[in-house]
Amino acid sequence: MPNNACAICKNADVPLGHPDHGRLPSADDLLILLAVGRTGRYNTAADDLGVNHTTISRRIAALEASLGGRVLAKSGTGWELTSRGKDALAAAESIDAAVRSLIGPSDQAEGVVRVSATDGFSAYVVAPAVAQVRRRHPGISVEIVATTRRASQQRSGMDVEIVVGEPQVHRAEAIKLGDYHLGLYASREYLRANGRPADIEDLQNYPLIYFIDSMLQVDDLDIAPGFAPSMRESVTSTNVFVHVEATRAAAGVGLLPCFMADRHDDLVRVLPDEVSVRLDYWLVSRAETLRRPEVAHVVDAIRTSATDQREALLGHVGHRPVNENT
């Protein structure tokens, strides 16, 4: 960022003697702010608008000069709107809506929507949802970042986050999408070779496939020690698809989302009455982001997809009891 832009961003208010202080803000500058406010990053906003990083910095600096104070503040993961910036963003959204109304009907939404969600939810709920959106609104493209983490307090760079467990967030809306179950699974091959656990205490004789404890960021998923503290680790990973495939490969007993494990005929759920962990998915987004037509279409489709798959998420579809002869 140029030095003059840095000077403006670092100070809470622009000096009253600044030559641009008090001038009417430029509509172009407001639309630049809209792009940065949506992405949280200068580089991403520059790419979306087809300009360079220097232009973004210069126009934000000009806007801050005209408004007499900061519209953006640096955070650990990007840029956050200040109170003055949120007021300016509301004006920018009105300008954006007015411009869009000139080029086509409101149902012709277009733009990039960035979604962060867990691995399994991304694949089995978000992906089919955005496919539906694409069929109806080909001008909308969706970037899906598969990750398992707690909701960000900044949400920089993401329009929508889907997390496990009710999030404690500020300046954002949290919408519950639904519940899902985790259960213990083993492959038929593994059960033939090792037998099946008779009860919770017997689990100490079986290796566990689950998340890497030291890298687990979501408190609600830190549940394995609660029901099976004596289980030794077999294969651990940050990716739940690795958990599923390691379980299928007979590496041990996996603690898996039922909606993922029940898709595989070679996996059998064990101790279903003793181990059935109920968790929930939540969608988090800024209120101003949810008002964007392209984001609204994607969020509506995700909510519909989650509702349509409610039974599968809870493990009611495809559940197979253990058969000792298979």
C-alpha atoms as a PDB file:
ATOM      1  CA  MET A   1       0.000   0.000   0.000  1.00  0.00           C
ATOM      2  CA  PRO A   2       1.336   3.503  -0.762  1.00  0.00           C
ATOM      3  CA  ASN A   3       2.600   5.493   2.190  1.00  0.00           C
ATOM      4  CA  ASN A   4      -0.174   8.096   1.966  1.00  0.00           C
ATOM      5  CA  ALA A   5      -2.812   5.335   2.142  1.00  0.00           C
ATOM      6  CA  CYS A   6      -1.076   3.800   5.134  1.00  0.00           C
ATOM      7  CA  ALA A   7      -1.036   7.141   6.903  1.00  0.00           C
ATOM      8  CA  ILE A   8      -4.759   7.543   6.438  1.00  0.00           C
ATOM      9  CA  CYS A   9      -5.552   3.977   7.505  1.00  0.00           C
ATOM     10  CA  LYS A  10      -3.435   4.198  10.645  1.00  0.00           C
ATOM     11  CA  ASN A  11      -5.117   7.340  11.960  1.00  0.00           C
ATOM     12  CA  ALA A  12      -8.592   7.243  13.451  1.00  0.00           C
ATOM     13  CA  ASP A  13      -9.492  10.513  11.697  1.00  0.00           C
ATOM     14  CA  VAL A  14      -8.196  12.431   8.744  1.00  0.00           C
ATOM     15  CA  PRO A  15      -6.993  15.935   9.682  1.00  0.00           C
ATOM     16  CA  LEU A  16      -9.622  18.593   9.025  1.00  0.00           C
ATOM     17  CA  GLY A  17      -7.101  20.507   6.964  1.00  0.00           C
ATOM     18  CA  HIS A  18      -6.842  17.751   4.366  1.00  0.00           C
ATOM     19  CA  PRO A  19      -7.800  19.260   0.989  1.00  0.00           C
ATOM     20  CA  ASP A  20     -10.329  16.508   0.238  1.00  0.00           C
ATOM     21  CA  HIS A  21     -12.019  16.550   3.641  1.00  0.00           C
ATOM     22  CA  GLY A  22     -15.722  17.285   3.325  1.00  0.00           C
ATOM     23  CA  ARG A  23     -16.006  16.735  -0.425  1.00  0.00           C
ATOM     24  CA  LEU A  24     -18.794  14.537  -1.731  1.00  0.00           C
ATOM     25  CA  PRO A  25     -17.556  10.913  -1.838  1.00  0.00           C
ATOM     26  CA  SER A  26     -17.065   9.470  -5.288  1.00  0.00           C
ATOM     27  CA  ALA A  27     -19.445   6.710  -6.327  1.00  0.00           C
ATOM     28  CA  ASP A  28     -16.469   4.850  -7.807  1.00  0.00           C
ATOM     29  CA  ASP A  29     -14.665   5.045  -4.461  1.00  0.00           C
ATOM     30  CA  LEU A  30     -17.720   3.656  -2.694  1.00  0.00           C
ATOM     31  CA  LEU A  31     -17.898   0.730  -5.102  1.00  0.00           C
ATOM     32  CA  ILE A  32     -14.204   0.048  -4.437  1.00  0.00           C
ATOM     33  CA  LEU A  33     -15.036  -0.050  -0.726  1.00  0.00           C
ATOM     34  CA  LEU A  34     -17.882  -2.460  -1.481  1.00  0.00           C
ATOM     35  CA  ALA A  35     -15.459  -4.864  -3.153  1.00  0.00           C
ATOM     36  CA  VAL A  36     -12.960  -4.690  -0.293  1.00  0.00           C
ATOM     37  CA  GLY A  37     -15.715  -5.006   2.311  1.00  0.00           C
ATOM     38  CA  ARG A  38     -16.997  -8.165   0.626  1.00  0.00           C
ATOM     39  CA  THR A  39     -13.638  -9.878   0.307  1.00  0.00           C
ATOM     40  CA  GLY A  40     -11.640  -8.410   3.181  1.00  0.00           C
ATOM     41  CA  ARG A  41      -8.567  -8.184   0.934  1.00  0.00           C
ATOM     42  CA  TYR A  42      -7.196  -5.547  -1.409  1.00  0.00           C
ATOM     43  CA  ASN A  43      -5.685  -8.075  -3.824  1.00  0.00           C
ATOM     44  CA  THR A  44      -8.898 -10.082  -4.144  1.00  0.00           C
ATOM     45  CA  ALA A  45     -10.969  -6.952  -4.642  1.00  0.00           C
ATOM     46  CA  ALA A  46      -8.494  -5.775  -7.287  1.00  0.00           C
ATOM     47  CA  ASP A  47      -8.807  -9.075  -9.159  1.00  0.00           C
ATOM     48  CA  ASP A  48     -12.615  -8.944  -9.003  1.00  0.00           C
ATOM     49  CA  LEU A  49     -12.683  -5.383 -10.357  1.00  0.00           C
ATOM     50  CA  GLY A  50      -9.937  -5.826 -12.941  1.00  0.00           C
ATOM     51  CA  VAL A  51      -7.682  -3.148 -11.462  1.00  0.00           C
ATOM     52  CA  ASN A  52      -4.402  -3.253  -9.557  1.00  0.00           C
ATOM     53  CA  HIS A  53      -3.678  -3.149  -5.831  1.00  0.00           C
ATOM     54  CA  THR A  54      -2.357   0.427  -6.079  1.00  0.00           C
ATOM     55  CA  THR A  55      -5.661   1.649  -7.503  1.00  0.00           C
ATOM     56  CA  ILE A  56      -7.569   0.037  -4.639  1.00  0.00           C
ATOM     57  CA  SER A  57      -5.281   1.666  -2.079  1.00  0.00           C
ATOM     58  CA  ARG A  58      -5.508   5.068  -3.754  1.00  0.00           C
ATOM     59  CA  ARG A  59      -9.305   5.049  -3.999  1.00  0.00           C
ATOM     60  CA  ILE A  60      -9.756   3.886  -0.387  1.00  0.00           C
ATOM     61  CA  ALA A  61      -7.396   6.640   0.712  1.00  0.00           C
ATOM     62  CA  ALA A  62      -9.411   9.198  -1.244  1.00  0.00           C
ATOM     63  CA  LEU A  63     -12.667   7.959   0.274  1.00  0.00           C
ATOM     64  CA  GLU A  64     -11.255   8.139   3.798  1.00  0.00           C
ATOM     65  CA  ALA A  65     -10.045  11.664   3.108  1.00  0.00           C
ATOM     66  CA  SER A  66     -13.469  12.817   1.946  1.00  0.00           C
ATOM     67  CA  LEU A  67     -15.271  11.187   4.881  1.00  0.00           C
ATOM     68  CA  GLY A  68     -12.782  12.426   7.441  1.00  0.00           C
ATOM     69  CA  GLY A  69     -11.796   9.092   8.956  1.00  0.00           C
ATOM     70  CA  ARG A  70     -11.057   5.428   8.507  1.00  0.00           C
ATOM     71  CA  VAL A  71     -13.451   3.155   6.635  1.00  0.00           C
ATOM     72  CA  LEU A  72     -11.207   0.093   7.017  1.00  0.00           C
ATOM     73  CA  ALA A  73      -9.058  -1.265   9.827  1.00  0.00           C
ATOM     74  CA  LYS A  74      -6.381  -3.934   9.495  1.00  0.00           C
ATOM     75  CA  SER A  75      -7.141  -7.260  11.186  1.00  0.00           C
ATOM     76  CA  GLY A  76      -5.177 -10.473  11.485  1.00  0.00           C
ATOM     77  CA  THR A  77      -6.680 -11.927   8.327  1.00  0.00           C
ATOM     78  CA  GLY A  78      -7.534  -8.903   6.188  1.00  0.00           C
ATOM     79  CA  TRP A  79      -9.433  -5.624   6.326  1.00  0.00           C
ATOM     80  CA  GLU A  80     -12.496  -4.979   8.506  1.00  0.00           C
ATOM     81  CA  LEU A  81     -15.070  -2.218   8.118  1.00  0.00           C
ATOM     82  CA  THR A  82     -15.102   0.475  10.772  1.00  0.00           C
ATOM     83  CA  SER A  83     -18.361   2.059  11.930  1.00  0.00           C
ATOM     84  CA  ARG A  84     -17.850   4.821   9.367  1.00  0.00           C
ATOM     85  CA  GLY A  85     -17.054   2.158   6.790  1.00  0.00           C
ATOM     86  CA  LYS A  86     -20.309   0.297   7.455  1.00  0.00           C
ATOM     87  CA  ASP A  87     -22.279   3.501   6.872  1.00  0.00           C
ATOM     88  CA  ALA A  88     -20.394   4.051   3.637  1.00  0.00           C
ATOM     89  CA  LEU A  89     -20.940   0.424   2.619  1.00  0.00           C
ATOM     90  CA  ALA A  90     -24.711   0.835   2.930  1.00  0.00           C
ATOM     91  CA  ALA A  91     -24.523   3.715   0.463  1.00  0.00           C
ATOM     92  CA  ALA A  92     -22.285   1.631  -1.804  1.00  0.00           C
ATOM     93  CA  GLU A  93     -24.786  -1.221  -1.814  1.00  0.00           C
ATOM     94  CA  SER A  94     -27.535   1.186  -2.890  1.00  0.00           C
ATOM     95  CA  ILE A  95     -25.362   2.435  -5.749  1.00  0.00           C
ATOM     96  CA  ASP A  96     -24.521  -1.144  -6.763  1.00  0.00           C
ATOM     97  CA  ALA A  97     -28.204  -2.160  -6.747  1.00  0.00           C
ATOM     98  CA  ALA A  98     -29.143   0.886  -8.820  1.00  0.00           C
ATOM     99  CA  VAL A  99     -26.454   0.146 -11.404  1.00  0.00           C
ATOM    100  CA  ARG A 100     -27.452  -3.518 -11.613  1.00  0.00           C
ATOM    101  CA  SER A 101     -31.090  -2.543 -12.166  1.00  0.00           C
ATOM    102  CA  LEU A 102     -30.055  -0.723 -15.348  1.00  0.00           C
ATOM    103  CA  ILE A 103     -28.534  -3.773 -16.999  1.00  0.00           C
ATOM    104  CA  GLY A 104     -31.118  -6.452 -16.364  1.00  0.00           C
ATOM    105  CA  PRO A 105     -33.882  -7.819 -14.137  1.00  0.00           C
ATOM    106  CA  SER A 106     -33.072  -8.465 -10.499  1.00  0.00           C
ATOM    107  CA  ASP A 107     -33.272 -12.249 -10.902  1.00  0.00           C
ATOM    108  CA  GLN A 108     -30.222 -12.223 -13.197  1.00  0.00           C
ATOM    109  CA  ALA A 109     -27.805 -12.345 -10.292  1.00  0.00           C
ATOM    110  CA  GLU A 110     -24.113 -12.641 -10.979  1.00  0.00           C
ATOM    111  CA  GLY A 111     -20.819 -12.538  -9.124  1.00  0.00           C
ATOM    112  CA  VAL A 112     -18.449 -14.692  -7.102  1.00  0.00           C
ATOM    113  CA  VAL A 113     -19.604 -16.160  -3.770  1.00  0.00           C
ATOM    114  CA  ARG A 114     -16.926 -17.545  -1.433  1.00  0.00           C
ATOM    115  CA  VAL A 115     -18.036 -20.314   0.931  1.00  0.00           C
ATOM    116  CA  SER A 116     -16.042 -21.992   3.699  1.00  0.00           C
ATOM    117  CA  ALA A 117     -17.363 -25.306   5.061  1.00  0.00           C
ATOM    118  CA  THR A 118     -16.188 -28.601   6.500  1.00  0.00           C
ATOM    119  CA  ASP A 119     -14.971 -31.287   4.097  1.00  0.00           C
ATOM    120  CA  GLY A 120     -17.996 -33.553   4.221  1.00  0.00           C
ATOM    121  CA  PHE A 121     -20.571 -30.771   4.241  1.00  0.00           C
ATOM    122  CA  SER A 122     -18.794 -29.111   1.310  1.00  0.00           C
ATOM    123  CA  ALA A 123     -18.979 -32.273  -0.772  1.00  0.00           C
ATOM    124  CA  TYR A 124     -22.430 -33.605   0.061  1.00  0.00           C
ATOM    125  CA  VAL A 125     -24.501 -30.508   0.859  1.00  0.00           C
ATOM    126  CA  VAL A 126     -22.815 -27.401  -0.556  1.00  0.00           C
ATOM    127  CA  ALA A 127     -21.690 -28.861  -3.894  1.00  0.00           C
ATOM    128  CA  PRO A 128     -25.163 -30.068  -4.991  1.00  0.00           C
ATOM    129  CA  ALA A 129     -26.664 -26.815  -3.724  1.00  0.00           C
ATOM    130  CA  VAL A 130     -24.379 -24.629  -5.813  1.00  0.00           C
ATOM    131  CA  ALA A 131     -24.934 -26.878  -8.821  1.00  0.00           C
ATOM    132  CA  GLN A 132     -28.623 -25.998  -8.565  1.00  0.00           C
ATOM    133  CA  VAL A 133     -27.745 -22.312  -8.298  1.00  0.00           C
ATOM    134  CA  ARG A 134     -25.536 -22.524 -11.380  1.00  0.00           C
ATOM    135  CA  ARG A 135     -28.295 -24.092 -13.424  1.00  0.00           C
ATOM    136  CA  ARG A 136     -30.679 -21.272 -12.546  1.00  0.00           C
ATOM    137  CA  HIS A 137     -28.160 -18.418 -12.433  1.00  0.00           C
ATOM    138  CA  PRO A 138     -25.189 -19.109 -14.720  1.00  0.00           C
ATOM    139  CA  GLY A 139     -23.734 -15.708 -13.880  1.00  0.00           C
ATOM    140  CA  ILE A 140     -23.001 -16.849 -10.321  1.00  0.00           C
ATOM    141  CA  SER A 141     -19.772 -18.701  -9.588  1.00  0.00           C
ATOM    142  CA  VAL A 142     -18.918 -20.232  -6.211  1.00  0.00           C
ATOM    143  CA  GLU A 143     -15.549 -20.822  -4.571  1.00  0.00           C
ATOM    144  CA  ILE A 144     -15.693 -23.551  -1.890  1.00  0.00           C
ATOM    145  CA  VAL A 145     -12.920 -23.664   0.690  1.00  0.00           C
ATOM    146  CA  ALA A 146     -13.057 -26.997   2.556  1.00  0.00           C
ATOM    147  CA  THR A 147     -11.798 -26.557   6.117  1.00  0.00           C
ATOM    148  CA  THR A 148     -12.768 -27.506   9.661  1.00  0.00           C
ATOM    149  CA  ARG A 149     -12.419 -24.506  11.954  1.00  0.00           C
ATOM    150  CA  ARG A 150     -14.370 -22.239  14.277  1.00  0.00           C
ATOM    151  CA  ALA A 151     -16.168 -19.206  12.908  1.00  0.00           C
ATOM    152  CA  SER A 152     -13.848 -16.295  12.246  1.00  0.00           C
ATOM    153  CA  GLN A 153     -14.432 -13.044  14.091  1.00  0.00           C
ATOM    154  CA  GLN A 154     -13.298 -11.136  10.992  1.00  0.00           C
ATOM    155  CA  ARG A 155     -14.711 -13.294   8.184  1.00  0.00           C
ATOM    156  CA  SER A 156     -12.277 -11.598   5.820  1.00  0.00           C
ATOM    157  CA  GLY A 157     -12.269 -13.096   2.343  1.00  0.00           C
ATOM    158  CA  MET A 158     -15.332 -15.330   2.913  1.00  0.00           C
ATOM    159  CA  ASP A 159     -18.944 -14.465   2.165  1.00  0.00           C
ATOM    160  CA  VAL A 160     -20.370 -17.488   3.982  1.00  0.00           C
ATOM    161  CA  GLU A 161     -18.892 -19.763   6.643  1.00  0.00           C
ATOM    162  CA  ILE A 162     -20.410 -23.090   7.703  1.00  0.00           C
ATOM    163  CA  VAL A 163     -19.123 -24.369  11.031  1.00  0.00           C
ATOM    164  CA  VAL A 164     -19.768 -27.096  13.583  1.00  0.00           C
ATOM    165  CA  GLY A 165     -21.332 -25.903  16.834  1.00  0.00           C
ATOM    166  CA  GLU A 166     -23.198 -22.690  17.608  1.00  0.00           C
ATOM    167  CA  PRO A 167     -20.773 -19.843  16.916  1.00  0.00           C
ATOM    168  CA  GLN A 168     -20.175 -16.858  19.165  1.00  0.00           C
ATOM    169  CA  VAL A 169     -19.730 -14.077  16.632  1.00  0.00           C
ATOM    170  CA  HIS A 170     -20.112 -10.317  16.488  1.00  0.00           C
ATOM    171  CA  ARG A 171     -21.326  -8.172  13.612  1.00  0.00           C
ATOM    172  CA  ALA A 172     -22.693 -11.235  11.836  1.00  0.00           C
ATOM    173  CA  GLU A 173     -25.754 -13.442  11.602  1.00  0.00           C
ATOM    174  CA  ALA A 174     -25.696 -17.124  12.608  1.00  0.00           C
ATOM    175  CA  ILE A 175     -28.288 -19.458  11.085  1.00  0.00           C
ATOM    176  CA  LYS A 176     -28.699 -23.060  12.212  1.00  0.00           C
ATOM    177  CA  LEU A 177     -28.741 -25.432   9.250  1.00  0.00           C
ATOM    178  CA  GLY A 178     -29.443 -28.677  11.093  1.00  0.00           C
ATOM    179  CA  ASP A 179     -28.087 -31.495  13.220  1.00  0.00           C
ATOM    180  CA  TYR A 180     -25.940 -34.462  12.286  1.00  0.00           C
ATOM    181  CA  HIS A 181     -24.616 -37.568  14.005  1.00  0.00           C
ATOM    182  CA  LEU A 182     -21.202 -39.107  14.458  1.00  0.00           C
ATOM    183  CA  GLY A 183     -20.871 -42.818  15.108  1.00  0.00           C
ATOM    184  CA  LEU A 184     -18.211 -45.511  15.353  1.00  0.00           C
ATOM    185  CA  TYR A 185     -17.623 -47.515  12.175  1.00  0.00           C
ATOM    186  CA  ALA A 186     -15.367 -50.357  11.120  1.00  0.00           C
ATOM    187  CA  SER A 187     -14.925 -52.214   7.864  1.00  0.00           C
ATOM    188  CA  ARG A 188     -16.361 -55.691   7.503  1.00  0.00           C
ATOM    189  CA  GLU A 189     -12.827 -56.919   6.835  1.00  0.00           C
ATOM    190  CA  TYR A 190     -11.575 -55.368  10.084  1.00  0.00           C
ATOM    191  CA  LEU A 191     -14.427 -56.882  12.115  1.00  0.00           C
ATOM    192  CA  ARG A 192     -13.801 -60.345  10.653  1.00  0.00           C
ATOM    193  CA  ALA A 193     -10.146 -60.147  11.681  1.00  0.00           C
ATOM    194  CA  ASN A 194     -10.528 -58.434  15.071  1.00  0.00           C
ATOM    195  CA  GLY A 195     -14.072 -59.046  16.247  1.00  0.00           C
ATOM    196  CA  ARG A 196     -16.322 -56.216  17.333  1.00  0.00           C
ATOM    197  CA  PRO A 197     -16.241 -54.302  20.626  1.00  0.00           C
ATOM    198  CA  ALA A 198     -18.767 -55.593  23.114  1.00  0.00           C
ATOM    199  CA  ASP A 199     -19.131 -52.341  25.064  1.00  0.00           C
ATOM    200  CA  ILE A 200     -17.492 -48.982  25.755  1.00  0.00           C
ATOM    201  CA  GLU A 201     -14.833 -50.498  28.002  1.00  0.00           C
ATOM    202  CA  ASP A 202     -13.877 -52.913  25.255  1.00  0.00           C
ATOM    203  CA  LEU A 203     -12.943 -49.981  22.982  1.00  0.00           C
ATOM    204  CA  GLN A 204      -9.555 -49.782  24.697  1.00  0.00           C
ATOM    205  CA  ASN A 205      -8.579 -52.788  22.586  1.00  0.00           C
ATOM    206  CA  TYR A 206      -9.286 -50.971  19.305  1.00  0.00           C
ATOM    207  CA  PRO A 207      -7.344 -48.182  17.570  1.00  0.00           C
ATOM    208  CA  LEU A 208      -9.199 -44.947  16.791  1.00  0.00           C
ATOM    209  CA  ILE A 209      -9.280 -43.056  13.487  1.00  0.00           C
ATOM    210  CA  TYR A 210     -10.137 -39.396  14.013  1.00  0.00           C
ATOM    211  CA  PHE A 211      -8.796 -35.827  13.949  1.00  0.00           C
ATOM    212  CA  ILE A 212      -5.276 -34.813  14.979  1.00  0.00           C
ATOM    213  CA  ASP A 213      -5.872 -33.670  18.532  1.00  0.00           C
ATOM    214  CA  SER A 214      -3.229 -30.936  18.570  1.00  0.00           C
ATOM    215  CA  MET A 215      -4.600 -29.391  15.359  1.00  0.00           C
ATOM    216  CA  LEU A 216      -8.314 -29.615  16.129  1.00  0.00           C
ATOM    217  CA  GLN A 217      -9.771 -26.101  16.230  1.00  0.00           C
ATOM    218  CA  VAL A 218     -13.424 -26.927  16.940  1.00  0.00           C
ATOM    219  CA  ASP A 219     -14.268 -27.615  20.575  1.00  0.00           C
ATOM    220  CA  ASP A 220     -17.480 -29.492  19.715  1.00  0.00           C
ATOM    221  CA  LEU A 221     -15.442 -32.073  17.792  1.00  0.00           C
ATOM    222  CA  ASP A 222     -13.106 -32.751  20.725  1.00  0.00           C
ATOM    223  CA  ILE A 223     -15.346 -35.570  21.885  1.00  0.00           C
ATOM    224  CA  ALA A 224     -13.411 -38.817  21.479  1.00  0.00           C
ATOM    225  CA  PRO A 225     -11.717 -38.618  24.902  1.00  0.00           C
ATOM    226  CA  GLY A 226     -15.136 -38.288  26.499  1.00  0.00           C
ATOM    227  CA  PHE A 227     -16.521 -41.694  25.582  1.00  0.00           C
ATOM    228  CA  ALA A 228     -13.318 -43.631  24.889  1.00  0.00           C
ATOM    229  CA  PRO A 229     -10.379 -42.104  26.770  1.00  0.00           C
ATOM    230  CA  SER A 230      -8.380 -45.314  26.569  1.00  0.00           C
ATOM    231  CA  MET A 231      -8.564 -45.763  22.788  1.00  0.00           C
ATOM    232  CA  ARG A 232      -5.147 -45.485  21.193  1.00  0.00           C
ATOM    233  CA  GLU A 233      -4.780 -43.507  17.972  1.00  0.00           C
ATOM    234  CA  SER A 234      -4.327 -45.318  14.694  1.00  0.00           C
ATOM    235  CA  VAL A 235      -4.623 -42.857  11.814  1.00  0.00           C
ATOM    236  CA  THR A 236      -5.347 -39.184  12.442  1.00  0.00           C
ATOM    237  CA  SER A 237      -5.930 -36.422   9.907  1.00  0.00           C
ATOM    238  CA  THR A 238      -7.348 -32.932   9.488  1.00  0.00           C
ATOM    239  CA  ASN A 239      -9.501 -34.272   6.622  1.00  0.00           C
ATOM    240  CA  VAL A 240     -12.610 -36.347   7.319  1.00  0.00           C
ATOM    241  CA  PHE A 241     -12.378 -38.085   3.941  1.00  0.00           C
ATOM    242  CA  VAL A 242      -9.076 -39.537   5.137  1.00  0.00           C
ATOM    243  CA  HIS A 243     -10.905 -40.820   8.231  1.00  0.00           C
ATOM    244  CA  VAL A 244     -13.461 -42.579   6.046  1.00  0.00           C
ATOM    245  CA  GLU A 245     -10.924 -44.135   3.679  1.00  0.00           C
ATOM    246  CA  ALA A 246      -8.604 -45.242   6.488  1.00  0.00           C
ATOM    247  CA  THR A 247     -11.574 -46.927   8.168  1.00  0.00           C
ATOM    248  CA  ARG A 248     -12.516 -48.647   4.908  1.00  0.00           C
ATOM    249  CA  ALA A 249      -8.894 -49.819   4.588  1.00  0.00           C
ATOM    250  CA  ALA A 250      -9.173 -51.609   7.968  1.00  0.00           C
ATOM    251  CA  ALA A 251      -6.802 -49.293   9.847  1.00  0.00           C
ATOM    252  CA  GLY A 252      -9.037 -49.277  12.910  1.00  0.00           C
ATOM    253  CA  VAL A 253     -12.364 -47.975  14.168  1.00  0.00           C
ATOM    254  CA  GLY A 254     -13.371 -44.569  12.807  1.00  0.00           C
ATOM    255  CA  LEU A 255     -15.477 -41.927  14.502  1.00  0.00           C
ATOM    256  CA  LEU A 256     -17.257 -40.746  11.373  1.00  0.00           C
ATOM    257  CA  PRO A 257     -20.175 -38.558  10.282  1.00  0.00           C
ATOM    258  CA  CYS A 258     -23.022 -40.974   9.618  1.00  0.00           C
ATOM    259  CA  PHE A 259     -24.025 -39.201   6.404  1.00  0.00           C
ATOM    260  CA  MET A 260     -20.587 -40.017   5.000  1.00  0.00           C
ATOM    261  CA  ALA A 261     -20.011 -43.497   6.413  1.00  0.00           C
ATOM    262  CA  ASP A 262     -23.470 -44.813   5.547  1.00  0.00           C
ATOM    263  CA  ARG A 263     -22.726 -44.325   1.859  1.00  0.00           C
ATOM    264  CA  HIS A 264     -20.297 -47.273   1.937  1.00  0.00           C
ATOM    265  CA  ASP A 265     -21.551 -50.850   2.037  1.00  0.00           C
ATOM    266  CA  ASP A 266     -18.212 -52.082   3.369  1.00  0.00           C
ATOM    267  CA  LEU A 267     -18.565 -50.042   6.588  1.00  0.00           C
ATOM    268  CA  VAL A 268     -20.583 -51.212   9.586  1.00  0.00           C
ATOM    269  CA  ARG A 269     -21.645 -49.091  12.519  1.00  0.00           C
ATOM    270  CA  VAL A 270     -20.635 -50.515  15.899  1.00  0.00           C
ATOM    271  CA  LEU A 271     -22.031 -49.720  19.357  1.00  0.00           C
ATOM    272  CA  PRO A 272     -24.709 -47.450  17.859  1.00  0.00           C
ATOM    273  CA  ASP A 273     -26.647 -47.194  21.123  1.00  0.00           C
ATOM    274  CA  GLU A 274     -23.587 -46.399  23.216  1.00  0.00           C
ATOM    275  CA  VAL A 275     -21.854 -43.993  20.809  1.00  0.00           C
ATOM    276  CA  SER A 276     -24.108 -41.561  18.952  1.00  0.00           C
ATOM    277  CA  VAL A 277     -22.814 -37.991  19.049  1.00  0.00           C
ATOM    278  CA  ARG A 278     -25.220 -35.274  17.924  1.00  0.00           C
ATOM    279  CA  LEU A 279     -23.695 -32.042  16.612  1.00  0.00           C
ATOM    280  CA  ASP A 280     -25.027 -29.175  14.536  1.00  0.00           C
ATOM    281  CA  TYR A 281     -24.073 -27.102  11.507  1.00  0.00           C
ATOM    282  CA  TRP A 282     -24.379 -23.313  11.493  1.00  0.00           C
ATOM    283  CA  LEU A 283     -24.106 -20.781   8.678  1.00  0.00           C
ATOM    284  CA  VAL A 284     -22.420 -17.452   9.466  1.00  0.00           C
ATOM    285  CA  SER A 285     -22.385 -14.340   7.322  1.00  0.00           C
ATOM    286  CA  ARG A 286     -22.536 -10.570   7.610  1.00  0.00           C
ATOM    287  CA  ALA A 287     -25.982  -9.024   7.266  1.00  0.00           C
ATOM    288  CA  GLU A 288     -24.790  -6.803   4.422  1.00  0.00           C
ATOM    289  CA  THR A 289     -23.358  -9.837   2.621  1.00  0.00           C
ATOM    290  CA  LEU A 290     -26.630 -11.752   2.897  1.00  0.00           C
ATOM    291  CA  ARG A 291     -28.387  -8.896   1.103  1.00  0.00           C
ATOM    292  CA  ARG A 292     -26.358  -9.460  -2.044  1.00  0.00           C
ATOM    293  CA  PRO A 293     -28.577 -11.319  -4.571  1.00  0.00           C
ATOM    294  CA  GLU A 294     -25.912 -13.851  -5.546  1.00  0.00           C
ATOM    295  CA  VAL A 295     -25.172 -14.678  -1.899  1.00  0.00           C
ATOM    296  CA  ALA A 296     -28.875 -14.917  -1.067  1.00  0.00           C
ATOM    297  CA  HIS A 297     -29.368 -17.468  -3.861  1.00  0.00           C
ATOM    298  CA  VAL A 298     -26.455 -19.588  -2.626  1.00  0.00           C
ATOM    299  CA  VAL A 299     -27.541 -19.434   1.029  1.00  0.00           C
ATOM    300  CA  ASP A 300     -31.132 -20.371   0.155  1.00  0.00           C
ATOM    301  CA  ALA A 301     -29.880 -23.346  -1.867  1.00  0.00           C
ATOM    302  CA  ILE A 302     -27.594 -24.525   0.954  1.00  0.00           C
ATOM    303  CA  ARG A 303     -30.429 -24.313   3.481  1.00  0.00           C
ATOM    304  CA  THR A 304     -32.721 -26.264   1.158  1.00  0.00           C
ATOM    305  CA  SER A 305     -30.049 -28.902   0.523  1.00  0.00           C
ATOM    306  CA  ALA A 306     -29.444 -29.322   4.261  1.00  0.00           C
ATOM    307  CA  THR A 307     -33.182 -29.715   4.878  1.00  0.00           C
ATOM    308  CA  ASP A 308     -33.554 -32.238   2.053  1.00  0.00           C
ATOM    309  CA  GLN A 309     -30.722 -34.328   3.522  1.00  0.00           C
ATOM    310  CA  ARG A 310     -31.839 -34.093   7.148  1.00  0.00           C
ATOM    311  CA  GLU A 311     -32.437 -37.843   7.538  1.00  0.00           C
ATOM    312  CA  ALA A 312     -29.091 -38.723   5.977  1.00  0.00           C
ATOM    313  CA  LEU A 313     -27.272 -36.214   8.203  1.00  0.00           C
ATOM    314  CA  LEU A 314     -28.791 -37.841  11.268  1.00  0.00           C
ATOM    315  CA  GLY A 315     -27.794 -41.316  10.117  1.00  0.00           C
ATOM    316  CA  HIS A 316     -31.304 -42.587   9.534  1.00  0.00           C
ATOM    317  CA  VAL A 317     -30.673 -43.496   5.909  1.00  0.00           C
ATOM    318  CA  GLY A 318     -28.608 -46.527   5.016  1.00  0.00           C
ATOM    319  CA  HIS A 319     -27.934 -47.582   8.641  1.00  0.00           C
ATOM    320  CA  ARG A 320     -26.875 -51.197   8.717  1.00  0.00           C
ATOM    321  CA  PRO A 321     -26.695 -53.236  11.941  1.00  0.00           C
ATOM    322  CA  VAL A 322     -23.657 -55.364  12.534  1.00  0.00           C
ATOM    323  CA  ASN A 323     -23.865 -58.814  11.045  1.00  0.00           C
ATOM    324  CA  GLU A 324     -21.215 -61.036  12.545  1.00  0.00           C
ATOM    325  CA  ASN A 325     -21.331 -63.330   9.499  1.00  0.00           C
ATOM    326  CA  THR A 326     -20.409 -60.630   6.992  1.00  0.00           C
END
